[in-house]
Amino acid sequence: MSPPVNNAMRASKVSNNRPQKPRGSKVPGARKIVNTLLPGFSRQLAAMLSAGMPIVATLEALLEQTDNPNFKTVIAGIKANIENGAAFSEALRKYPTVFDDLYCNMVHGGEMGGQLPETIGRLAGFLEATAKLRRKVKSAMMYPIIVLCIALIIAVGLITFVVPVFGDMFADFGADLPGPTQFLLNFSGMLRAYGLYILGFFIVVAILFARWAKTTNGAFAIDHFALRAPVFGELKRKVASARFARTFGQLIRSGVPILQSLKIVSGATGSVIAGALITKSAKAVENGEPLSSAMLHQDVFPILLVRMLQAGEKTGKIDEMMDNIADFYDDEVDTMLAGLTSLLEPLLMVFLGIIIGGIVLCMFLPIFKMGEIVGG
């Protein structure tokens, strides 16, 4: 890893180790609300406000048509806070697990600029684009995971329940079995005798790994591996670039100060290393350096994004440039996902055939050599 990334990693580790004070209320099922309900809520909210409906009446209408009980509680709480004199953005900050800093700051900027309906409309478009990108990545990754799980279940089922039946039949031959068959029988016996212990071992390892992944060192190590992985590393960098560009552009357009925008964007890329680089760049901007210059010497964000940012700084159209580059990388991600899917399908079929076919071949190998075995 290049020195700039190492410096950013150290800086981020220091900041991440500081205790964070919780604020607001935790909402049960917040992840589902954000991923599935919030884009539609924002779109409807923007449409009603654009039509001239007061904010309280709008929230009342949205409250009546919302089926999710947890989200109903959130909307009712926001409405009550506004009725008690709070600004809309202040009411949203009471529920940080649903309305993050990006959402609240953009709404605040819309309130200050008298463009709340337009700002929420842009938020709705941003959330829809983010959800679309997330669905594409998830669906592309889901297929190989399902195939691998099916292959594992079939293999374990054959080894545990079918292979012993053949083993009992081969034992009556009274002759040495072919090496692959004998190995499979031995493995089957071990799996039947110690299967629960093996399963427990893997569960413990998975739990320990999940806990380690939540630590600062673990998150950086996993992210470093993911960014350096062949093919998938490039995909992750493009996803992080699309998220950075779209989020940063929306914040700048809403009038959020650049330093505050960078603070928000640092947690929105989906990469802790990218977030550390943005944090390091924000410190350089605070010292008077242009953002494009601060981001020039790093190995996460593509040089094209940095050059587009530089052009936006010179022309005063950072938001437009970021929107354009976000659309570009969204298309790049679509192309890569389509290529990966078409490439993985035959590879997974070959893998499945090797695993299942290998087990079947090992079981039937003595039958193919029946004359030799019986004669022995």
Protein backbone atom coordinates (compact mmCIF):
# COMPACT_ATOMS: atom_id res chain seq x y z
CA MET A 1 0.00 0.00 0.00
CA SER A 2 1.21 3.46 -0.81
CA PRO A 3 2.42 5.82 1.97
CA PRO A 4 -0.59 8.18 1.66
CA VAL A 5 -2.96 5.31 2.37
CA ASN A 6 -0.88 4.20 5.36
CA ASN A 7 -0.97 7.71 6.80
CA ALA A 8 -4.70 7.91 6.26
CA MET A 9 -5.17 4.55 7.93
CA ARG A 10 -3.23 5.67 11.01
CA ALA A 11 -5.18 8.91 11.20
CA SER A 12 -8.49 7.10 10.89
CA LYS A 13 -7.54 4.56 13.55
CA VAL A 14 -6.84 7.32 16.03
CA SER A 15 -10.16 9.02 15.35
CA ASN A 16 -12.12 5.76 15.38
CA ASN A 17 -10.79 4.88 18.81
CA ARG A 18 -12.36 7.97 20.35
CA PRO A 19 -15.58 7.21 22.19
CA GLN A 20 -18.66 8.38 20.36
CA LYS A 21 -21.60 9.75 22.32
CA PRO A 22 -24.87 8.21 21.24
CA ARG A 23 -27.52 10.65 20.12
CA GLY A 24 -31.17 10.25 19.33
CA SER A 25 -33.30 7.15 19.39
CA LYS A 26 -32.50 3.73 17.97
CA VAL A 27 -35.26 2.46 15.74
CA PRO A 28 -35.93 -1.31 15.46
CA GLY A 29 -35.60 -2.46 11.87
CA ALA A 30 -33.83 0.76 10.85
CA ARG A 31 -31.77 -0.95 8.13
CA LYS A 32 -34.89 -2.23 6.39
CA ILE A 33 -36.52 1.19 6.65
CA VAL A 34 -33.50 2.95 5.13
CA ASN A 35 -33.02 0.43 2.32
CA THR A 36 -36.64 -0.11 1.27
CA LEU A 37 -38.97 2.56 2.68
CA LEU A 38 -36.96 5.78 2.91
CA PRO A 39 -36.53 6.37 -0.86
CA GLY A 40 -40.29 6.15 -1.46
CA PHE A 41 -41.04 8.23 1.64
CA SER A 42 -38.67 10.95 0.42
CA ARG A 43 -40.16 10.93 -3.09
CA GLN A 44 -43.72 11.28 -1.76
CA LEU A 45 -42.65 13.92 0.75
CA ALA A 46 -41.04 16.00 -1.99
CA ALA A 47 -44.11 15.69 -4.24
CA MET A 48 -46.51 16.80 -1.51
CA LEU A 49 -44.33 19.71 -0.42
CA SER A 50 -43.93 20.81 -4.04
CA ALA A 51 -47.73 20.85 -4.30
CA GLY A 52 -47.86 23.35 -1.46
CA MET A 53 -48.96 21.10 1.40
CA PRO A 54 -47.77 22.15 4.89
CA ILE A 55 -45.12 19.88 6.41
CA VAL A 56 -47.36 18.70 9.27
CA ALA A 57 -50.23 17.81 6.91
CA THR A 58 -47.75 16.02 4.64
CA LEU A 59 -46.39 13.94 7.50
CA GLU A 60 -49.94 13.15 8.62
CA ALA A 61 -50.79 11.83 5.15
CA LEU A 62 -47.59 9.76 4.99
CA LEU A 63 -48.27 8.44 8.48
CA GLU A 64 -51.69 7.14 7.42
CA GLN A 65 -50.36 5.25 4.39
CA THR A 66 -47.30 3.72 6.08
CA ASP A 67 -47.71 0.05 7.03
CA ASN A 68 -44.40 -0.50 8.85
CA PRO A 69 -45.11 0.04 12.59
CA ASN A 70 -41.56 1.11 13.38
CA PHE A 71 -41.54 3.69 10.60
CA LYS A 72 -44.98 4.87 11.74
CA THR A 73 -43.49 5.59 15.17
CA VAL A 74 -40.66 7.57 13.57
CA ILE A 75 -42.98 9.69 11.39
CA ALA A 76 -45.30 10.33 14.35
CA GLY A 77 -42.33 11.42 16.47
CA ILE A 78 -41.08 13.79 13.75
CA LYS A 79 -44.55 15.28 13.39
CA ALA A 80 -44.86 15.78 17.16
CA ASN A 81 -41.46 17.49 17.34
CA ILE A 82 -42.38 19.89 14.53
CA GLU A 83 -45.68 20.70 16.22
CA ASN A 84 -43.69 21.53 19.36
CA GLY A 85 -41.67 24.11 17.44
CA ALA A 86 -38.65 22.14 16.13
CA ALA A 87 -37.36 22.60 12.61
CA PHE A 88 -37.79 19.65 10.24
CA SER A 89 -34.05 18.92 10.15
CA GLU A 90 -33.88 19.04 13.96
CA ALA A 91 -36.78 16.60 14.21
CA LEU A 92 -35.04 14.23 11.81
CA ARG A 93 -31.86 14.25 13.92
CA LYS A 94 -33.82 12.59 16.73
CA TYR A 95 -33.66 9.37 14.67
CA PRO A 96 -30.04 9.03 13.44
CA THR A 97 -30.37 5.33 12.60
CA VAL A 98 -32.95 6.24 9.94
CA PHE A 99 -31.94 9.77 8.92
CA ASP A 100 -28.14 9.98 8.81
CA ASP A 101 -25.98 13.13 8.74
CA LEU A 102 -26.20 13.28 4.95
CA TYR A 103 -30.00 13.37 5.01
CA CYS A 104 -30.25 15.83 7.90
CA ASN A 105 -27.63 18.23 6.54
CA MET A 106 -29.19 18.32 3.09
CA VAL A 107 -32.61 19.00 4.61
CA HIS A 108 -31.09 21.75 6.76
CA GLY A 109 -29.50 23.28 3.66
CA GLY A 110 -32.85 23.16 1.87
CA GLU A 111 -34.54 24.87 4.81
CA MET A 112 -31.93 27.63 4.91
CA GLY A 113 -32.13 28.19 1.15
CA GLY A 114 -35.92 28.02 0.93
CA GLN A 115 -35.70 25.01 -1.39
CA LEU A 116 -36.88 22.19 0.85
CA PRO A 117 -39.08 20.39 -1.75
CA GLU A 118 -36.31 20.50 -4.38
CA THR A 119 -33.71 19.31 -1.86
CA ILE A 120 -35.83 16.38 -0.68
CA GLY A 121 -36.49 15.51 -4.32
CA ARG A 122 -32.74 15.34 -4.92
CA LEU A 123 -32.41 13.25 -1.75
CA ALA A 124 -35.04 10.85 -3.10
CA GLY A 125 -33.15 10.52 -6.38
CA PHE A 126 -29.90 9.95 -4.49
CA LEU A 127 -31.44 7.27 -2.26
CA GLU A 128 -33.02 5.53 -5.24
CA ALA A 129 -29.71 5.50 -7.13
CA THR A 130 -27.90 4.18 -4.05
CA ALA A 131 -30.50 1.46 -3.50
CA LYS A 132 -30.32 0.48 -7.17
CA LEU A 133 -26.54 0.15 -7.00
CA ARG A 134 -26.79 -1.87 -3.79
CA ARG A 135 -29.34 -4.24 -5.33
CA LYS A 136 -27.19 -4.82 -8.40
CA VAL A 137 -24.10 -5.66 -6.37
CA LYS A 138 -26.06 -7.87 -3.98
CA SER A 139 -27.85 -9.77 -6.75
CA ALA A 140 -24.58 -10.33 -8.61
CA MET A 141 -22.93 -11.73 -5.47
CA MET A 142 -25.96 -13.77 -4.40
CA TYR A 143 -25.80 -16.22 -7.33
CA PRO A 144 -22.30 -17.62 -6.65
CA ILE A 145 -22.99 -17.77 -2.91
CA ILE A 146 -26.17 -19.80 -3.46
CA VAL A 147 -24.41 -22.17 -5.87
CA LEU A 148 -21.51 -22.70 -3.46
CA CYS A 149 -23.90 -23.36 -0.57
CA ILE A 150 -25.85 -25.88 -2.65
CA ALA A 151 -22.61 -27.62 -3.65
CA LEU A 152 -21.51 -27.80 -0.02
CA ILE A 153 -24.86 -29.19 1.16
CA ILE A 154 -24.94 -31.83 -1.59
CA ALA A 155 -21.32 -32.82 -0.95
CA VAL A 156 -21.83 -33.14 2.81
CA GLY A 157 -25.04 -35.09 2.26
CA LEU A 158 -23.36 -37.55 -0.13
CA ILE A 159 -20.33 -38.01 2.11
CA THR A 160 -22.40 -38.41 5.28
CA PHE A 161 -25.29 -40.59 4.12
CA VAL A 162 -24.51 -42.16 0.72
CA VAL A 163 -20.79 -42.98 0.91
CA PRO A 164 -21.16 -45.20 4.03
CA VAL A 165 -23.69 -47.38 2.16
CA PHE A 166 -21.13 -47.98 -0.57
CA GLY A 167 -18.49 -48.54 2.11
CA ASP A 168 -20.48 -51.39 3.64
CA MET A 169 -20.94 -52.92 0.21
CA PHE A 170 -17.23 -52.64 -0.63
CA ALA A 171 -16.27 -54.16 2.72
CA ASP A 172 -17.75 -57.50 1.60
CA PHE A 173 -15.27 -57.65 -1.28
CA GLY A 174 -12.37 -58.29 1.07
CA ALA A 175 -9.89 -56.47 -1.16
CA ASP A 176 -8.01 -53.21 -1.12
CA LEU A 177 -9.99 -50.33 -2.57
CA PRO A 178 -8.61 -47.69 -4.94
CA GLY A 179 -6.85 -44.86 -3.16
CA PRO A 180 -9.45 -42.12 -3.92
CA THR A 181 -12.30 -44.36 -2.74
CA GLN A 182 -10.49 -45.30 0.48
CA PHE A 183 -9.72 -41.64 1.19
CA LEU A 184 -13.38 -40.73 0.68
CA LEU A 185 -14.50 -43.53 3.03
CA ASN A 186 -12.02 -42.41 5.70
CA PHE A 187 -13.16 -38.81 5.34
CA SER A 188 -16.80 -39.91 5.58
CA GLY A 189 -16.06 -41.82 8.80
CA MET A 190 -14.30 -38.80 10.29
CA LEU A 191 -17.18 -36.52 9.32
CA ARG A 192 -19.76 -38.86 10.85
CA ALA A 193 -17.77 -39.25 14.07
CA TYR A 194 -16.67 -35.64 14.57
CA GLY A 195 -19.13 -33.72 12.41
CA LEU A 196 -20.70 -31.79 15.30
CA TYR A 197 -17.28 -30.83 16.65
CA ILE A 198 -16.17 -29.65 13.21
CA LEU A 199 -19.36 -27.63 12.79
CA GLY A 200 -18.90 -26.10 16.24
CA PHE A 201 -15.30 -25.21 15.40
CA PHE A 202 -16.34 -23.36 12.23
CA ILE A 203 -19.13 -21.54 14.10
CA VAL A 204 -16.67 -20.34 16.74
CA VAL A 205 -14.20 -19.25 14.05
CA ALA A 206 -16.97 -17.38 12.22
CA ILE A 207 -18.04 -15.58 15.43
CA LEU A 208 -14.46 -14.61 16.28
CA PHE A 209 -13.86 -13.43 12.73
CA ALA A 210 -17.04 -11.32 12.78
CA ARG A 211 -15.96 -9.69 16.04
CA TRP A 212 -12.46 -9.05 14.70
CA ALA A 213 -13.93 -7.58 11.51
CA LYS A 214 -15.74 -4.97 13.62
CA THR A 215 -12.50 -3.74 15.17
CA THR A 216 -10.47 -0.96 13.54
CA ASN A 217 -7.55 -3.23 12.62
CA GLY A 218 -9.84 -5.95 11.33
CA ALA A 219 -11.91 -3.56 9.21
CA PHE A 220 -8.79 -2.07 7.64
CA ALA A 221 -7.23 -5.49 7.00
CA ILE A 222 -10.38 -6.83 5.32
CA ASP A 223 -10.84 -3.65 3.29
CA HIS A 224 -7.19 -3.73 2.22
CA PHE A 225 -7.58 -7.32 1.03
CA ALA A 226 -10.82 -6.50 -0.79
CA LEU A 227 -9.31 -3.50 -2.60
CA ARG A 228 -6.30 -5.58 -3.72
CA ALA A 229 -8.30 -8.63 -4.81
CA PRO A 230 -8.21 -9.35 -8.56
CA VAL A 231 -11.30 -8.06 -10.40
CA PHE A 232 -13.33 -7.63 -7.21
CA GLY A 233 -10.89 -4.99 -5.96
CA GLU A 234 -11.48 -2.88 -9.05
CA LEU A 235 -15.23 -3.34 -8.63
CA LYS A 236 -15.06 -2.17 -5.00
CA ARG A 237 -13.03 0.90 -5.99
CA LYS A 238 -15.56 1.85 -8.64
CA VAL A 239 -18.46 1.39 -6.22
CA ALA A 240 -16.66 3.57 -3.65
CA SER A 241 -15.96 6.19 -6.34
CA ALA A 242 -19.62 6.27 -7.43
CA ARG A 243 -20.80 6.65 -3.84
CA PHE A 244 -18.26 9.38 -3.07
CA ALA A 245 -19.04 11.39 -6.19
CA ARG A 246 -22.81 11.19 -5.89
CA THR A 247 -22.89 11.93 -2.14
CA PHE A 248 -20.36 14.77 -2.35
CA GLY A 249 -22.13 16.33 -5.32
CA GLN A 250 -25.50 16.26 -3.57
CA LEU A 251 -24.10 17.85 -0.41
CA ILE A 252 -22.29 20.62 -2.29
CA ARG A 253 -25.44 21.37 -4.33
CA SER A 254 -27.44 21.64 -1.10
CA GLY A 255 -25.07 24.27 0.27
CA VAL A 256 -23.38 22.12 2.92
CA PRO A 257 -19.85 23.46 3.64
CA ILE A 258 -17.08 21.46 2.01
CA LEU A 259 -15.41 20.35 5.26
CA GLN A 260 -18.71 19.16 6.70
CA SER A 261 -19.50 17.46 3.38
CA LEU A 262 -16.19 15.58 3.44
CA LYS A 263 -16.84 14.47 7.02
CA ILE A 264 -20.19 13.03 5.98
CA VAL A 265 -18.88 11.48 2.75
CA SER A 266 -16.02 9.73 4.58
CA GLY A 267 -18.55 7.33 6.08
CA ALA A 268 -20.64 6.84 2.93
CA THR A 269 -18.22 5.14 0.53
CA GLY A 270 -18.49 1.62 1.93
CA SER A 271 -14.69 1.45 2.34
CA VAL A 272 -12.85 2.34 5.55
CA ILE A 273 -9.62 2.99 3.64
CA ALA A 274 -11.42 5.35 1.24
CA GLY A 275 -12.99 7.03 4.26
CA ALA A 276 -9.57 7.49 5.85
CA LEU A 277 -8.25 9.07 2.65
CA ILE A 278 -11.17 11.50 2.56
CA THR A 279 -10.56 12.42 6.21
CA LYS A 280 -6.90 13.06 5.43
CA SER A 281 -7.86 15.15 2.40
CA ALA A 282 -10.27 17.18 4.54
CA LYS A 283 -7.40 18.15 6.83
CA ALA A 284 -5.40 19.31 3.80
CA VAL A 285 -8.40 21.36 2.60
CA GLU A 286 -8.65 22.89 6.05
CA ASN A 287 -5.02 24.04 5.62
CA GLY A 288 -5.87 25.75 2.34
CA GLU A 289 -5.04 23.04 -0.20
CA PRO A 290 -7.52 22.27 -3.02
CA LEU A 291 -9.37 19.00 -2.55
CA SER A 292 -8.25 17.66 -5.93
CA SER A 293 -4.58 18.23 -5.01
CA ALA A 294 -5.07 16.53 -1.64
CA MET A 295 -6.60 13.48 -3.36
CA LEU A 296 -4.08 13.29 -6.19
CA HIS A 297 -1.51 10.92 -4.71
CA GLN A 298 -3.52 7.94 -3.52
CA ASP A 299 -4.39 4.51 -4.87
CA VAL A 300 -8.10 4.08 -4.12
CA PHE A 301 -10.00 6.65 -6.17
CA PRO A 302 -9.28 6.64 -9.93
CA ILE A 303 -7.34 9.55 -11.42
CA LEU A 304 -10.32 10.33 -13.67
CA LEU A 305 -12.43 11.21 -10.62
CA VAL A 306 -9.67 13.49 -9.29
CA ARG A 307 -9.31 15.26 -12.66
CA MET A 308 -13.07 15.79 -12.89
CA LEU A 309 -13.02 17.19 -9.37
CA GLN A 310 -10.19 19.50 -10.38
CA ALA A 311 -12.18 20.73 -13.38
CA GLY A 312 -15.19 21.32 -11.13
CA GLU A 313 -13.10 23.41 -8.75
CA LYS A 314 -11.85 25.58 -11.60
CA THR A 315 -15.30 26.13 -13.12
CA GLY A 316 -17.25 26.30 -9.87
CA LYS A 317 -19.41 23.34 -10.91
CA ILE A 318 -18.25 20.61 -8.55
CA ASP A 319 -21.77 19.25 -8.11
CA GLU A 320 -22.30 18.80 -11.86
CA MET A 321 -18.91 17.18 -12.35
CA MET A 322 -19.53 14.80 -9.45
CA ASP A 323 -22.95 13.83 -10.81
CA ASN A 324 -21.41 13.11 -14.21
CA ILE A 325 -18.60 10.99 -12.80
CA ALA A 326 -21.05 9.15 -10.51
CA ASP A 327 -23.19 8.24 -13.54
CA PHE A 328 -20.06 7.11 -15.36
CA TYR A 329 -18.95 4.80 -12.56
CA ASP A 330 -22.48 3.48 -12.09
CA ASP A 331 -22.36 2.41 -15.75
CA GLU A 332 -18.89 0.93 -15.20
CA VAL A 333 -20.17 -1.07 -12.24
CA ASP A 334 -23.12 -2.32 -14.33
CA THR A 335 -20.75 -3.45 -17.08
CA MET A 336 -18.40 -5.19 -14.64
CA LEU A 337 -21.25 -6.95 -12.85
CA ALA A 338 -22.70 -8.19 -16.13
CA GLY A 339 -19.27 -9.48 -17.18
CA LEU A 340 -18.64 -11.14 -13.83
CA THR A 341 -22.03 -12.84 -13.86
CA SER A 342 -21.50 -14.24 -17.34
CA LEU A 343 -18.00 -15.40 -16.37
CA LEU A 344 -18.96 -16.92 -13.02
CA GLU A 345 -21.83 -19.02 -14.35
CA PRO A 346 -19.69 -21.49 -16.35
CA LEU A 347 -16.94 -21.48 -13.70
CA LEU A 348 -19.42 -22.34 -10.97
CA MET A 349 -20.92 -25.11 -13.09
CA VAL A 350 -17.45 -26.55 -13.61
CA PHE A 351 -16.71 -26.29 -9.88
CA LEU A 352 -20.01 -27.95 -9.02
CA GLY A 353 -19.31 -30.72 -11.53
CA ILE A 354 -15.82 -31.34 -10.14
CA ILE A 355 -17.01 -31.57 -6.52
CA ILE A 356 -20.12 -33.67 -7.06
CA GLY A 357 -18.71 -35.61 -10.00
CA GLY A 358 -15.51 -36.35 -8.06
CA ILE A 359 -17.47 -37.84 -5.17
CA VAL A 360 -19.62 -39.95 -7.50
CA LEU A 361 -16.55 -41.12 -9.42
CA CYS A 362 -14.78 -42.16 -6.22
CA MET A 363 -17.84 -44.18 -5.17
CA PHE A 364 -18.18 -45.96 -8.49
CA LEU A 365 -14.48 -46.48 -9.16
CA PRO A 366 -14.43 -49.89 -7.39
CA ILE A 367 -17.44 -50.97 -9.44
CA PHE A 368 -15.60 -50.08 -12.63
CA LYS A 369 -12.76 -52.28 -11.38
CA MET A 370 -15.06 -54.97 -9.98
CA GLY A 371 -13.29 -57.86 -11.66
CA GLU A 372 -9.87 -56.79 -10.36
CA ILE A 373 -11.13 -56.25 -6.82
CA VAL A 374 -13.10 -59.50 -6.58
CA GLY A 375 -10.26 -61.44 -8.11
CA GLY A 376 -7.82 -59.90 -5.61
